[in-house]
Amino acid sequence: MGLILAAGNQTRWNYKEYPGLPKIKQLVEVEGQILIERIQEQFPDSIVVTHDKEISKHSKMVFKPAKHGCTIETLFNTHTLWKGWVTILLGDVDYGQRTINLLEDQKEILRFYGDRGEIYAVKWHEDVTPLIHYDINRLISHEDWVPKFGKLWNLYRVMCGFDYRKEHKMKKYFTFVNDCMDFDTQEQYLKYAKNKRVRK
């Protein structure tokens, strides 16, 4: 099962200045496809986790979490869907084929996939679901926790025994990938679109 976390605080882009640029990053065009549709095609039977009406229009299956203020809060509120193998994806990422293959072939019961800047995906087996649930609880109930610490990196640090507020280290449970691109800002997408063919 794949859960595409597309909820949370939606960044509204300056689409009026750039004709053709959508209001939100999950709806940019990549290789001739709307990004959120492309991810669902790459990961069949995945569920899009969102409250956004525009994203829902481009989603085959939608789950609306009770709370979705940040990535970790959104993830925590999908726990009723955590059955069997669980793959967590992000709705603003263009996933490369190597990463897709690694996720499909994963045998270890828990892996995070990313580079030095971002974590793009997490996959685990239901055997570690209680641990995931426990560590997310530890993270969001920490006395110093605020939503800015609600990223996948923060969960990774907690699971590795690091201080979740400090600079990350790539140690256990981590696979380095270099064929994914996330679009946090419109400048990132515009640079990507200029240097890479985005239309079929």
N, C-alpha and C. Protein backbone atom coordinates (compact mmCIF):
# COMPACT_ATOMS: atom_id res chain seq x y z
N MET A 1 0.84 -1.19 0.00
CA MET A 1 0.00 0.00 0.00
C MET A 1 0.88 1.24 0.00
N GLY A 2 0.56 2.19 -0.85
CA GLY A 2 1.29 3.45 -0.87
C GLY A 2 0.40 4.57 -0.39
N LEU A 3 0.91 5.39 0.53
CA LEU A 3 0.20 6.56 1.01
C LEU A 3 0.95 7.80 0.54
N ILE A 4 0.31 8.62 -0.27
CA ILE A 4 0.93 9.82 -0.81
C ILE A 4 0.52 11.00 0.05
N LEU A 5 1.43 11.51 0.85
CA LEU A 5 1.10 12.60 1.76
C LEU A 5 1.11 13.92 0.99
N ALA A 6 -0.07 14.37 0.64
CA ALA A 6 -0.20 15.61 -0.13
C ALA A 6 -0.95 16.66 0.66
N ALA A 7 -1.24 16.36 1.93
CA ALA A 7 -1.97 17.31 2.77
C ALA A 7 -0.99 18.23 3.46
N GLY A 8 -1.50 18.97 4.43
CA GLY A 8 -0.64 19.89 5.16
C GLY A 8 -0.78 21.30 4.65
N ASN A 9 0.18 22.12 4.96
CA ASN A 9 0.14 23.53 4.58
C ASN A 9 0.50 23.68 3.10
N GLN A 10 -0.50 23.97 2.28
CA GLN A 10 -0.28 24.09 0.85
C GLN A 10 0.30 25.45 0.49
N THR A 11 1.48 25.44 -0.10
CA THR A 11 2.11 26.68 -0.54
C THR A 11 1.42 27.16 -1.81
N ARG A 12 0.94 28.39 -1.80
CA ARG A 12 0.31 28.98 -2.98
C ARG A 12 1.36 29.72 -3.79
N TRP A 13 1.54 29.28 -5.02
CA TRP A 13 2.58 29.85 -5.86
C TRP A 13 2.07 31.08 -6.60
N ASN A 14 3.01 31.88 -7.11
CA ASN A 14 2.68 33.08 -7.85
C ASN A 14 2.38 32.70 -9.31
N TYR A 15 1.26 32.01 -9.48
CA TYR A 15 0.93 31.47 -10.80
C TYR A 15 0.57 32.56 -11.81
N LYS A 16 0.17 33.75 -11.35
CA LYS A 16 -0.19 34.82 -12.28
C LYS A 16 1.04 35.35 -13.01
N GLU A 17 2.19 35.32 -12.34
CA GLU A 17 3.43 35.81 -12.94
C GLU A 17 3.97 34.82 -13.97
N TYR A 18 3.63 33.53 -13.80
CA TYR A 18 4.12 32.50 -14.69
C TYR A 18 2.95 31.73 -15.28
N PRO A 19 2.46 32.13 -16.44
CA PRO A 19 1.31 31.45 -17.06
C PRO A 19 1.54 29.96 -17.19
N GLY A 20 0.57 29.17 -16.79
CA GLY A 20 0.68 27.72 -16.86
C GLY A 20 1.12 27.09 -15.57
N LEU A 21 1.66 27.89 -14.63
CA LEU A 21 2.09 27.36 -13.35
C LEU A 21 0.87 27.23 -12.43
N PRO A 22 0.63 26.06 -11.87
CA PRO A 22 -0.55 25.89 -11.01
C PRO A 22 -0.37 26.60 -9.67
N LYS A 23 -1.47 26.69 -8.93
CA LYS A 23 -1.43 27.37 -7.64
C LYS A 23 -0.65 26.57 -6.60
N ILE A 24 -0.67 25.26 -6.73
CA ILE A 24 -0.01 24.41 -5.73
C ILE A 24 0.94 23.42 -6.40
N LYS A 25 2.00 23.07 -5.68
CA LYS A 25 3.10 22.33 -6.26
C LYS A 25 2.76 20.91 -6.67
N GLN A 26 1.79 20.28 -6.03
CA GLN A 26 1.44 18.89 -6.37
C GLN A 26 0.81 18.79 -7.76
N LEU A 27 0.46 19.92 -8.36
CA LEU A 27 -0.21 19.91 -9.66
C LEU A 27 0.67 20.42 -10.80
N VAL A 28 1.99 20.51 -10.58
CA VAL A 28 2.88 20.89 -11.67
C VAL A 28 2.93 19.78 -12.71
N GLU A 29 3.42 20.14 -13.88
CA GLU A 29 3.51 19.16 -14.97
C GLU A 29 4.92 18.59 -15.05
N VAL A 30 4.99 17.26 -15.08
CA VAL A 30 6.27 16.54 -15.21
C VAL A 30 6.11 15.45 -16.26
N GLU A 31 6.93 15.50 -17.29
CA GLU A 31 6.86 14.51 -18.37
C GLU A 31 5.45 14.40 -18.95
N GLY A 32 4.79 15.55 -19.09
CA GLY A 32 3.47 15.56 -19.70
C GLY A 32 2.34 15.11 -18.80
N GLN A 33 2.59 14.95 -17.51
CA GLN A 33 1.57 14.51 -16.57
C GLN A 33 1.49 15.46 -15.38
N ILE A 34 0.31 15.56 -14.78
CA ILE A 34 0.18 16.25 -13.51
C ILE A 34 0.92 15.41 -12.47
N LEU A 35 1.76 16.05 -11.65
CA LEU A 35 2.65 15.31 -10.76
C LEU A 35 1.90 14.32 -9.87
N ILE A 36 0.81 14.73 -9.24
CA ILE A 36 0.10 13.82 -8.33
C ILE A 36 -0.49 12.63 -9.08
N GLU A 37 -0.87 12.83 -10.34
CA GLU A 37 -1.36 11.73 -11.18
C GLU A 37 -0.20 10.81 -11.57
N ARG A 38 0.93 11.40 -11.86
CA ARG A 38 2.12 10.63 -12.23
C ARG A 38 2.54 9.69 -11.10
N ILE A 39 2.54 10.19 -9.87
CA ILE A 39 2.94 9.36 -8.72
C ILE A 39 1.97 8.20 -8.56
N GLN A 40 0.68 8.45 -8.74
CA GLN A 40 -0.30 7.37 -8.62
C GLN A 40 -0.14 6.32 -9.70
N GLU A 41 0.29 6.75 -10.88
CA GLU A 41 0.55 5.80 -11.96
C GLU A 41 1.79 4.97 -11.65
N GLN A 42 2.79 5.61 -11.07
CA GLN A 42 4.03 4.90 -10.72
C GLN A 42 3.82 3.93 -9.56
N PHE A 43 2.89 4.27 -8.67
CA PHE A 43 2.59 3.45 -7.50
C PHE A 43 1.10 3.10 -7.51
N PRO A 44 0.70 2.10 -8.30
CA PRO A 44 -0.72 1.75 -8.43
C PRO A 44 -1.34 1.41 -7.07
N ASP A 45 -2.63 1.70 -6.94
CA ASP A 45 -3.40 1.43 -5.71
C ASP A 45 -2.96 2.29 -4.53
N SER A 46 -2.21 3.35 -4.81
CA SER A 46 -1.82 4.25 -3.72
C SER A 46 -3.00 5.15 -3.35
N ILE A 47 -2.96 5.65 -2.13
CA ILE A 47 -4.02 6.51 -1.60
C ILE A 47 -3.44 7.90 -1.38
N VAL A 48 -4.11 8.91 -1.89
CA VAL A 48 -3.66 10.29 -1.72
C VAL A 48 -4.26 10.83 -0.42
N VAL A 49 -3.41 11.31 0.45
CA VAL A 49 -3.83 11.81 1.76
C VAL A 49 -3.88 13.33 1.68
N THR A 50 -5.09 13.89 1.65
CA THR A 50 -5.22 15.33 1.46
C THR A 50 -6.61 15.81 1.84
N HIS A 51 -6.69 17.10 2.14
CA HIS A 51 -7.98 17.79 2.32
C HIS A 51 -8.20 18.77 1.18
N ASP A 52 -7.22 18.92 0.31
CA ASP A 52 -7.27 19.92 -0.74
C ASP A 52 -8.20 19.48 -1.87
N LYS A 53 -9.17 20.30 -2.21
CA LYS A 53 -10.15 19.94 -3.24
C LYS A 53 -9.52 19.81 -4.61
N GLU A 54 -8.56 20.68 -4.92
CA GLU A 54 -7.92 20.62 -6.23
C GLU A 54 -7.11 19.34 -6.40
N ILE A 55 -6.38 18.95 -5.35
CA ILE A 55 -5.62 17.71 -5.41
C ILE A 55 -6.57 16.52 -5.51
N SER A 56 -7.66 16.57 -4.77
CA SER A 56 -8.65 15.46 -4.78
C SER A 56 -9.20 15.22 -6.18
N LYS A 57 -9.33 16.28 -6.97
CA LYS A 57 -9.85 16.15 -8.33
C LYS A 57 -8.94 15.29 -9.19
N HIS A 58 -7.67 15.23 -8.83
CA HIS A 58 -6.69 14.48 -9.62
C HIS A 58 -6.28 13.17 -8.93
N SER A 59 -7.09 12.74 -7.97
CA SER A 59 -6.75 11.56 -7.18
C SER A 59 -7.78 10.46 -7.35
N LYS A 60 -7.30 9.22 -7.49
CA LYS A 60 -8.20 8.07 -7.65
C LYS A 60 -8.80 7.64 -6.32
N MET A 61 -7.97 7.61 -5.28
CA MET A 61 -8.42 7.27 -3.93
C MET A 61 -7.92 8.33 -2.97
N VAL A 62 -8.80 8.83 -2.11
CA VAL A 62 -8.43 9.92 -1.20
C VAL A 62 -8.75 9.54 0.23
N PHE A 63 -7.85 9.90 1.13
CA PHE A 63 -8.07 9.75 2.57
C PHE A 63 -7.88 11.12 3.21
N LYS A 64 -8.85 11.54 4.00
CA LYS A 64 -8.78 12.84 4.66
C LYS A 64 -8.42 12.64 6.13
N PRO A 65 -7.19 12.97 6.53
CA PRO A 65 -6.78 12.77 7.93
C PRO A 65 -7.44 13.77 8.85
N ALA A 66 -7.59 13.38 10.10
CA ALA A 66 -8.21 14.27 11.08
C ALA A 66 -7.38 15.54 11.29
N LYS A 67 -6.06 15.38 11.31
CA LYS A 67 -5.16 16.52 11.46
C LYS A 67 -4.06 16.43 10.42
N HIS A 68 -3.65 17.59 9.91
CA HIS A 68 -2.65 17.57 8.83
C HIS A 68 -1.83 18.86 8.81
N GLY A 69 -1.39 19.30 9.98
CA GLY A 69 -0.64 20.55 10.05
C GLY A 69 0.79 20.45 9.56
N CYS A 70 1.36 19.24 9.56
CA CYS A 70 2.72 19.02 9.09
C CYS A 70 2.82 17.57 8.63
N THR A 71 3.94 17.19 8.04
CA THR A 71 4.08 15.85 7.47
C THR A 71 3.89 14.76 8.52
N ILE A 72 4.54 14.90 9.67
CA ILE A 72 4.46 13.85 10.70
C ILE A 72 3.05 13.76 11.29
N GLU A 73 2.42 14.88 11.50
CA GLU A 73 1.04 14.87 12.01
C GLU A 73 0.11 14.20 10.99
N THR A 74 0.30 14.52 9.73
CA THR A 74 -0.48 13.88 8.67
C THR A 74 -0.25 12.38 8.66
N LEU A 75 1.03 11.99 8.72
CA LEU A 75 1.38 10.57 8.73
C LEU A 75 0.74 9.86 9.92
N PHE A 76 0.85 10.44 11.09
CA PHE A 76 0.29 9.83 12.30
C PHE A 76 -1.22 9.59 12.16
N ASN A 77 -1.89 10.49 11.49
CA ASN A 77 -3.35 10.38 11.35
C ASN A 77 -3.79 9.49 10.20
N THR A 78 -2.83 8.74 9.63
CA THR A 78 -3.17 7.71 8.65
C THR A 78 -2.99 6.31 9.24
N HIS A 79 -2.75 6.21 10.54
CA HIS A 79 -2.34 4.93 11.14
C HIS A 79 -3.37 3.81 10.96
N THR A 80 -4.63 4.15 10.72
CA THR A 80 -5.64 3.11 10.49
C THR A 80 -5.41 2.39 9.16
N LEU A 81 -4.58 2.98 8.29
CA LEU A 81 -4.30 2.39 6.97
C LEU A 81 -3.00 1.57 6.96
N TRP A 82 -2.30 1.53 8.08
CA TRP A 82 -1.00 0.86 8.12
C TRP A 82 -1.19 -0.65 8.24
N LYS A 83 -1.24 -1.30 7.11
CA LYS A 83 -1.41 -2.76 7.08
C LYS A 83 -0.42 -3.36 6.08
N GLY A 84 0.14 -4.51 6.42
CA GLY A 84 1.10 -5.16 5.52
C GLY A 84 2.32 -4.29 5.32
N TRP A 85 2.77 -4.19 4.08
CA TRP A 85 3.86 -3.27 3.73
C TRP A 85 3.28 -1.88 3.53
N VAL A 86 3.86 -0.88 4.16
CA VAL A 86 3.38 0.50 4.05
C VAL A 86 4.47 1.35 3.40
N THR A 87 4.12 2.03 2.32
CA THR A 87 5.04 2.93 1.63
C THR A 87 4.53 4.35 1.77
N ILE A 88 5.37 5.22 2.31
CA ILE A 88 5.01 6.62 2.48
C ILE A 88 5.73 7.44 1.42
N LEU A 89 4.97 8.17 0.63
CA LEU A 89 5.49 9.00 -0.45
C LEU A 89 5.07 10.45 -0.20
N LEU A 90 5.70 11.37 -0.90
CA LEU A 90 5.34 12.78 -0.79
C LEU A 90 4.77 13.27 -2.12
N GLY A 91 3.75 14.09 -2.03
CA GLY A 91 3.03 14.52 -3.23
C GLY A 91 3.70 15.58 -4.06
N ASP A 92 4.86 16.07 -3.61
CA ASP A 92 5.56 17.11 -4.38
C ASP A 92 6.91 16.61 -4.90
N VAL A 93 7.03 15.29 -5.10
CA VAL A 93 8.30 14.69 -5.52
C VAL A 93 8.14 13.97 -6.85
N ASP A 94 9.10 14.21 -7.75
CA ASP A 94 9.20 13.43 -8.98
C ASP A 94 10.13 12.26 -8.69
N TYR A 95 9.57 11.05 -8.63
CA TYR A 95 10.33 9.85 -8.26
C TYR A 95 11.02 9.24 -9.47
N GLY A 96 12.32 9.00 -9.33
CA GLY A 96 13.09 8.37 -10.40
C GLY A 96 12.89 6.87 -10.40
N GLN A 97 13.22 6.23 -11.52
CA GLN A 97 12.97 4.80 -11.67
C GLN A 97 13.80 3.96 -10.71
N ARG A 98 15.03 4.37 -10.42
CA ARG A 98 15.84 3.59 -9.48
C ARG A 98 15.19 3.55 -8.11
N THR A 99 14.70 4.68 -7.65
CA THR A 99 14.04 4.73 -6.34
C THR A 99 12.78 3.88 -6.34
N ILE A 100 12.02 3.94 -7.42
CA ILE A 100 10.81 3.12 -7.54
C ILE A 100 11.17 1.64 -7.45
N ASN A 101 12.23 1.25 -8.17
CA ASN A 101 12.66 -0.16 -8.14
C ASN A 101 13.10 -0.58 -6.75
N LEU A 102 13.85 0.30 -6.07
CA LEU A 102 14.31 -0.02 -4.72
C LEU A 102 13.13 -0.23 -3.77
N LEU A 103 12.13 0.61 -3.88
CA LEU A 103 10.95 0.49 -3.04
C LEU A 103 10.21 -0.82 -3.33
N GLU A 104 10.09 -1.14 -4.60
CA GLU A 104 9.38 -2.36 -4.98
C GLU A 104 10.12 -3.61 -4.50
N ASP A 105 11.46 -3.57 -4.52
CA ASP A 105 12.26 -4.75 -4.20
C ASP A 105 12.67 -4.83 -2.73
N GLN A 106 12.26 -3.86 -1.93
CA GLN A 106 12.72 -3.81 -0.54
C GLN A 106 12.38 -5.08 0.23
N LYS A 107 13.37 -5.60 0.93
CA LYS A 107 13.19 -6.78 1.78
C LYS A 107 13.35 -6.45 3.27
N GLU A 108 14.18 -5.40 3.58
CA GLU A 108 14.36 -4.99 4.96
C GLU A 108 13.04 -4.46 5.51
N ILE A 109 12.82 -4.64 6.81
CA ILE A 109 11.51 -4.28 7.35
C ILE A 109 11.31 -2.78 7.52
N LEU A 110 12.40 -1.99 7.37
CA LEU A 110 12.27 -0.54 7.47
C LEU A 110 13.40 0.13 6.69
N ARG A 111 13.04 1.05 5.78
CA ARG A 111 14.05 1.83 5.06
C ARG A 111 13.51 3.24 4.82
N PHE A 112 14.42 4.23 4.96
CA PHE A 112 14.16 5.61 4.55
C PHE A 112 14.98 5.83 3.28
N TYR A 113 14.42 6.56 2.32
CA TYR A 113 15.10 6.83 1.05
C TYR A 113 15.24 8.34 0.88
N GLY A 114 16.48 8.79 0.63
CA GLY A 114 16.68 10.22 0.47
C GLY A 114 18.10 10.56 0.10
N ASP A 115 18.40 11.85 0.19
CA ASP A 115 19.76 12.33 -0.02
C ASP A 115 20.13 13.22 1.16
N ARG A 116 21.16 14.03 1.02
CA ARG A 116 21.58 14.84 2.16
C ARG A 116 20.59 15.95 2.49
N GLY A 117 19.72 16.27 1.56
CA GLY A 117 18.78 17.36 1.81
C GLY A 117 17.38 16.92 2.19
N GLU A 118 16.91 15.83 1.61
CA GLU A 118 15.51 15.44 1.79
C GLU A 118 15.37 13.94 1.99
N ILE A 119 14.31 13.55 2.67
CA ILE A 119 13.85 12.17 2.67
C ILE A 119 12.61 12.14 1.78
N TYR A 120 12.64 11.28 0.78
CA TYR A 120 11.58 11.24 -0.22
C TYR A 120 10.55 10.15 0.02
N ALA A 121 10.93 9.12 0.73
CA ALA A 121 10.01 8.00 0.93
C ALA A 121 10.45 7.18 2.13
N VAL A 122 9.50 6.49 2.71
CA VAL A 122 9.76 5.54 3.80
C VAL A 122 8.91 4.30 3.52
N LYS A 123 9.47 3.14 3.77
CA LYS A 123 8.70 1.91 3.62
C LYS A 123 9.01 0.99 4.80
N TRP A 124 7.95 0.42 5.36
CA TRP A 124 8.14 -0.51 6.47
C TRP A 124 7.13 -1.64 6.41
N HIS A 125 7.47 -2.72 7.12
CA HIS A 125 6.57 -3.86 7.24
C HIS A 125 5.77 -3.72 8.52
N GLU A 126 4.59 -4.32 8.53
CA GLU A 126 3.71 -4.18 9.68
C GLU A 126 4.35 -4.67 10.98
N ASP A 127 5.40 -5.48 10.89
CA ASP A 127 6.10 -5.93 12.10
C ASP A 127 6.68 -4.76 12.90
N VAL A 128 7.03 -3.66 12.20
CA VAL A 128 7.58 -2.50 12.92
C VAL A 128 6.57 -1.37 13.07
N THR A 129 5.33 -1.61 12.68
CA THR A 129 4.31 -0.59 12.83
C THR A 129 4.19 -0.10 14.28
N PRO A 130 4.19 -0.98 15.29
CA PRO A 130 4.13 -0.48 16.67
C PRO A 130 5.29 0.46 17.01
N LEU A 131 6.48 0.17 16.48
CA LEU A 131 7.64 1.03 16.72
C LEU A 131 7.46 2.39 16.05
N ILE A 132 6.97 2.40 14.80
CA ILE A 132 6.72 3.65 14.10
C ILE A 132 5.73 4.50 14.90
N HIS A 133 4.65 3.87 15.32
CA HIS A 133 3.61 4.57 16.08
C HIS A 133 4.19 5.14 17.38
N TYR A 134 5.00 4.34 18.07
CA TYR A 134 5.59 4.76 19.33
C TYR A 134 6.55 5.94 19.13
N ASP A 135 7.41 5.87 18.09
CA ASP A 135 8.39 6.93 17.88
C ASP A 135 7.75 8.23 17.39
N ILE A 136 6.68 8.14 16.62
CA ILE A 136 5.96 9.37 16.25
C ILE A 136 5.35 10.00 17.49
N ASN A 137 4.79 9.18 18.37
CA ASN A 137 4.24 9.68 19.63
C ASN A 137 5.33 10.37 20.45
N ARG A 138 6.52 9.74 20.51
CA ARG A 138 7.64 10.32 21.25
C ARG A 138 8.02 11.68 20.67
N LEU A 139 7.99 11.77 19.35
CA LEU A 139 8.37 13.01 18.69
C LEU A 139 7.37 14.13 18.97
N ILE A 140 6.10 13.88 18.70
CA ILE A 140 5.12 14.96 18.81
C ILE A 140 4.73 15.28 20.25
N SER A 141 5.08 14.41 21.18
CA SER A 141 4.77 14.69 22.59
C SER A 141 5.96 15.26 23.35
N HIS A 142 7.11 15.41 22.67
CA HIS A 142 8.29 15.99 23.31
C HIS A 142 7.99 17.43 23.72
N GLU A 143 8.49 17.84 24.87
CA GLU A 143 8.17 19.16 25.40
C GLU A 143 8.63 20.30 24.50
N ASP A 144 9.65 20.07 23.68
CA ASP A 144 10.16 21.11 22.79
C ASP A 144 9.64 21.00 21.36
N TRP A 145 8.70 20.06 21.13
CA TRP A 145 8.24 19.85 19.76
C TRP A 145 7.33 20.98 19.29
N VAL A 146 7.58 21.44 18.08
CA VAL A 146 6.71 22.39 17.39
C VAL A 146 6.59 21.88 15.95
N PRO A 147 5.55 22.29 15.20
CA PRO A 147 5.33 21.75 13.86
C PRO A 147 6.51 21.83 12.89
N LYS A 148 7.42 22.78 13.10
CA LYS A 148 8.56 22.86 12.18
C LYS A 148 9.46 21.63 12.28
N PHE A 149 9.31 20.86 13.35
CA PHE A 149 10.05 19.62 13.51
C PHE A 149 9.25 18.42 13.00
N GLY A 150 8.18 18.67 12.28
CA GLY A 150 7.31 17.60 11.84
C GLY A 150 7.62 17.07 10.45
N LYS A 151 8.90 16.85 10.17
CA LYS A 151 9.31 16.33 8.87
C LYS A 151 9.80 14.89 9.01
N LEU A 152 9.95 14.21 7.88
CA LEU A 152 10.42 12.83 7.93
C LEU A 152 11.83 12.73 8.51
N TRP A 153 12.64 13.76 8.30
CA TRP A 153 13.98 13.77 8.89
C TRP A 153 13.90 13.67 10.41
N ASN A 154 12.94 14.38 11.01
CA ASN A 154 12.82 14.38 12.46
C ASN A 154 12.44 13.00 12.98
N LEU A 155 11.56 12.31 12.25
CA LEU A 155 11.20 10.94 12.63
C LEU A 155 12.42 10.03 12.49
N TYR A 156 13.17 10.20 11.42
CA TYR A 156 14.37 9.38 11.21
C TYR A 156 15.35 9.55 12.37
N ARG A 157 15.58 10.79 12.78
CA ARG A 157 16.51 11.05 13.87
C ARG A 157 16.06 10.37 15.15
N VAL A 158 14.76 10.46 15.45
CA VAL A 158 14.23 9.82 16.66
C VAL A 158 14.44 8.31 16.60
N MET A 159 14.17 7.72 15.44
CA MET A 159 14.28 6.27 15.31
C MET A 159 15.73 5.79 15.40
N CYS A 160 16.68 6.68 15.08
CA CYS A 160 18.09 6.33 15.16
C CYS A 160 18.71 6.69 16.51
N GLY A 161 17.92 7.32 17.37
CA GLY A 161 18.43 7.72 18.67
C GLY A 161 19.16 9.04 18.67
N PHE A 162 19.02 9.83 17.58
CA PHE A 162 19.64 11.15 17.52
C PHE A 162 18.70 12.19 18.12
N ASP A 163 19.25 13.37 18.42
CA ASP A 163 18.42 14.50 18.81
C ASP A 163 17.65 14.97 17.58
N TYR A 164 16.34 14.95 17.66
CA TYR A 164 15.53 15.25 16.47
C TYR A 164 15.66 16.70 16.01
N ARG A 165 16.23 17.56 16.84
CA ARG A 165 16.36 18.98 16.49
C ARG A 165 17.70 19.29 15.82
N LYS A 166 18.63 18.33 15.82
CA LYS A 166 19.98 18.58 15.34
C LYS A 166 20.13 18.21 13.86
N GLU A 167 21.32 18.52 13.34
CA GLU A 167 21.64 18.17 11.94
C GLU A 167 21.58 16.66 11.77
N HIS A 168 21.02 16.25 10.64
CA HIS A 168 20.80 14.82 10.43
C HIS A 168 22.09 14.08 10.07
N LYS A 169 22.08 12.80 10.38
CA LYS A 169 23.13 11.89 9.97
C LYS A 169 22.45 10.75 9.23
N MET A 170 23.10 10.25 8.20
CA MET A 170 22.56 9.11 7.49
C MET A 170 23.27 7.86 8.01
N LYS A 171 22.57 7.09 8.78
CA LYS A 171 23.17 5.93 9.41
C LYS A 171 22.34 4.70 9.08
N LYS A 172 21.77 4.05 10.08
CA LYS A 172 20.98 2.84 9.84
C LYS A 172 19.63 3.20 9.22
N TYR A 173 19.03 2.21 8.61
CA TYR A 173 17.71 2.31 7.96
C TYR A 173 17.71 3.24 6.75
N PHE A 174 18.86 3.69 6.25
CA PHE A 174 18.88 4.73 5.22
C PHE A 174 19.46 4.23 3.91
N THR A 175 18.78 4.54 2.79
CA THR A 175 19.29 4.26 1.45
C THR A 175 19.41 5.58 0.71
N PHE A 176 20.61 5.88 0.22
CA PHE A 176 20.85 7.12 -0.52
C PHE A 176 20.35 6.97 -1.95
N VAL A 177 19.56 7.94 -2.40
CA VAL A 177 19.08 7.96 -3.79
C VAL A 177 19.35 9.34 -4.38
N ASN A 178 19.58 9.37 -5.69
CA ASN A 178 19.91 10.65 -6.33
C ASN A 178 19.09 10.91 -7.59
N ASP A 179 17.95 10.23 -7.70
CA ASP A 179 17.14 10.40 -8.91
C ASP A 179 15.76 10.95 -8.61
N CYS A 180 15.60 11.62 -7.46
CA CYS A 180 14.32 12.22 -7.11
C CYS A 180 14.48 13.74 -7.04
N MET A 181 13.40 14.45 -7.30
CA MET A 181 13.40 15.90 -7.22
C MET A 181 12.13 16.36 -6.54
N ASP A 182 12.27 17.14 -5.46
CA ASP A 182 11.08 17.68 -4.81
C ASP A 182 10.96 19.16 -5.16
N PHE A 183 9.74 19.65 -5.10
CA PHE A 183 9.46 21.03 -5.50
C PHE A 183 8.90 21.80 -4.31
N ASP A 184 9.78 22.29 -3.47
CA ASP A 184 9.35 23.06 -2.30
C ASP A 184 8.99 24.49 -2.68
N THR A 185 9.63 25.00 -3.71
CA THR A 185 9.38 26.39 -4.13
C THR A 185 9.14 26.43 -5.63
N GLN A 186 8.51 27.51 -6.07
CA GLN A 186 8.27 27.64 -7.51
C GLN A 186 9.58 27.84 -8.26
N GLU A 187 10.59 28.42 -7.59
CA GLU A 187 11.89 28.60 -8.23
C GLU A 187 12.53 27.26 -8.54
N GLN A 188 12.37 26.29 -7.63
CA GLN A 188 12.91 24.95 -7.87
C GLN A 188 12.25 24.32 -9.09
N TYR A 189 10.94 24.46 -9.18
CA TYR A 189 10.25 23.86 -10.32
C TYR A 189 10.62 24.55 -11.62
N LEU A 190 10.68 25.86 -11.61
CA LEU A 190 11.00 26.59 -12.84
C LEU A 190 12.40 26.25 -13.33
N LYS A 191 13.36 26.09 -12.41
CA LYS A 191 14.71 25.67 -12.79
C LYS A 191 14.69 24.26 -13.37
N TYR A 192 13.93 23.38 -12.72
CA TYR A 192 13.79 22.00 -13.18
C TYR A 192 13.16 21.98 -14.59
N ALA A 193 12.10 22.74 -14.77
CA ALA A 193 11.39 22.76 -16.04
C ALA A 193 12.27 23.31 -17.16
N LYS A 194 13.16 24.23 -16.83
CA LYS A 194 14.04 24.82 -17.83
C LYS A 194 15.12 23.84 -18.26
N ASN A 195 15.63 23.07 -17.32
CA ASN A 195 16.75 22.18 -17.60
C ASN A 195 16.36 20.75 -17.96
N LYS A 196 15.07 20.42 -17.77
CA LYS A 196 14.63 19.05 -18.05
C LYS A 196 13.33 19.10 -18.81
N ARG A 197 13.19 18.21 -19.74
CA ARG A 197 11.95 18.15 -20.54
C ARG A 197 10.80 17.75 -19.62
N VAL A 198 9.80 18.61 -19.48
CA VAL A 198 8.68 18.29 -18.61
C VAL A 198 7.45 17.87 -19.40
N ARG A 199 7.46 18.13 -20.70
CA ARG A 199 6.33 17.74 -21.55
C ARG A 199 6.73 16.55 -22.43
N LYS A 200 5.80 15.62 -22.61
CA LYS A 200 6.07 14.47 -23.48
C LYS A 200 6.15 14.92 -24.93
